[in-house]
Protein backbone atom coordinates (compact mmCIF):
# COMPACT_ATOMS: atom_id res chain seq x y z
CA MET A 1 40.45 48.42 -1.76
CA ALA A 2 40.17 44.64 -1.30
CA VAL A 3 37.02 45.03 0.80
CA TRP A 4 35.39 47.12 -1.92
CA GLN A 5 36.34 44.56 -4.56
CA GLY A 6 34.94 41.77 -2.41
CA ARG A 7 31.64 43.61 -2.05
CA TYR A 8 31.56 44.25 -5.79
CA TYR A 9 32.13 40.58 -6.68
CA ALA A 10 29.51 39.41 -4.17
CA ILE A 11 26.95 41.79 -5.68
CA GLN A 12 27.92 40.86 -9.21
CA GLY A 13 27.48 37.18 -8.32
CA ALA A 14 23.99 37.88 -7.01
CA VAL A 15 23.13 39.75 -10.22
CA LEU A 16 24.42 36.89 -12.36
CA HIS A 17 22.17 34.54 -10.39
CA GLY A 18 19.10 36.65 -11.16
CA ARG A 19 18.89 38.51 -7.84
CA GLY A 20 19.69 41.97 -9.20
CA ALA A 21 16.55 43.60 -7.84
CA VAL A 22 17.32 42.21 -4.38
CA VAL A 23 20.83 43.67 -4.23
CA LEU A 24 20.12 46.97 -6.01
CA ALA A 25 20.16 49.01 -2.78
CA GLU A 26 23.45 47.40 -1.74
CA LEU A 27 24.87 48.10 -5.20
CA GLU A 28 23.86 51.75 -4.92
CA GLY A 29 25.57 51.93 -1.52
CA LEU A 30 28.71 50.45 -3.02
CA ILE A 31 28.67 53.04 -5.80
CA ALA A 32 28.24 55.87 -3.29
CA GLY A 33 31.20 54.58 -1.30
CA LEU A 34 33.40 54.15 -4.36
CA GLU A 35 32.67 57.71 -5.47
CA GLN A 36 34.43 58.88 -2.30
CA LEU A 37 37.58 56.77 -2.89
CA THR A 38 40.57 58.03 -4.80
CA GLY A 39 41.81 55.61 -7.43
CA ALA A 40 38.63 53.55 -7.60
CA SER A 41 37.41 54.83 -10.96
CA ARG A 42 37.76 51.48 -12.74
CA LEU A 43 35.83 49.59 -10.04
CA LEU A 44 33.29 52.42 -9.91
CA LEU A 45 32.73 52.11 -13.64
CA ARG A 46 32.24 48.35 -13.36
CA ALA A 47 29.72 48.84 -10.53
CA ARG A 48 27.83 51.45 -12.58
CA LEU A 49 27.69 49.04 -15.51
CA VAL A 50 26.24 46.34 -13.25
CA ARG A 51 23.70 48.85 -11.93
CA ALA A 52 22.73 49.85 -15.46
CA ARG A 53 22.24 46.17 -16.35
CA VAL A 54 20.00 45.62 -13.31
CA LEU A 55 17.93 48.71 -14.08
CA ILE A 56 17.52 47.64 -17.70
CA ASP A 57 16.48 44.15 -16.60
CA GLU A 58 13.93 45.74 -14.26
CA GLY A 59 12.51 47.85 -17.08
CA ARG A 60 13.72 51.08 -15.48
CA LEU A 61 15.26 52.41 -18.67
CA ALA A 62 15.12 56.08 -17.75
CA GLU A 63 17.35 55.35 -14.76
CA ALA A 64 19.86 53.17 -16.59
CA GLU A 65 22.71 55.65 -16.10
CA VAL A 66 24.00 55.66 -19.65
CA GLU A 67 25.19 59.24 -19.30
CA ALA A 68 26.94 58.60 -15.99
CA VAL A 69 28.63 55.46 -17.32
CA LEU A 70 29.92 57.33 -20.35
CA ARG A 71 31.11 60.25 -18.18
CA VAL A 72 33.14 57.94 -15.94
CA LEU A 73 34.38 55.98 -18.95
CA THR A 74 35.61 59.17 -20.63
CA ARG A 75 37.46 60.16 -17.45
CA THR A 76 39.02 56.70 -17.11
CA MET A 77 40.08 56.30 -20.75
CA SER A 78 42.94 58.78 -20.38
CA VAL A 79 44.34 56.86 -17.40
CA THR A 80 44.18 53.22 -18.44
CA GLU A 81 43.28 50.89 -21.26
CA VAL A 82 39.60 50.19 -20.85
CA TRP A 83 38.56 48.55 -24.08
CA GLU A 84 36.76 45.78 -22.15
CA LEU A 85 34.75 48.34 -20.22
CA GLU A 86 33.98 50.32 -23.38
CA LEU A 87 32.67 47.15 -24.97
CA SER A 88 30.59 46.32 -21.89
CA ALA A 89 29.10 49.83 -21.90
CA LEU A 90 28.18 49.55 -25.57
CA VAL A 91 26.61 46.12 -25.08
CA CYS A 92 24.66 47.41 -22.10
CA MET A 93 23.37 50.39 -24.10
CA GLY A 94 22.58 48.10 -27.03
CA ASP A 95 20.16 46.16 -24.83
CA VAL A 96 18.02 49.24 -24.22
CA PRO A 97 14.99 49.05 -26.51
CA VAL A 98 14.64 51.95 -28.91
CA ARG A 99 11.36 53.78 -28.51
CA ALA A 100 9.45 54.94 -31.55
CA GLY A 101 8.89 58.68 -31.69
CA PRO A 102 9.87 61.35 -29.17
CA THR A 103 10.04 60.40 -25.51
């Protein structure tokens, strides 16, 4: 699990330094790998939140994974206290501009 966490923190650091678009493919690979691991739901949720943030920053709102983040969050809530992640998910969703009229 330490290797996965190391990859996550390296990607998150790149995103925080404004290189989200550059590491998006690597982030998606990390998410695919974490989906195969048992017991990685918390790290998987964090990675999905980072991906949603990158997609929002890139203007790719339709791909921002709000549904997937909430699905994983709902699954994780029964296992552990995740108030920090809930708050992060809400903040992330709050940054998505609301469109006028039907989409």
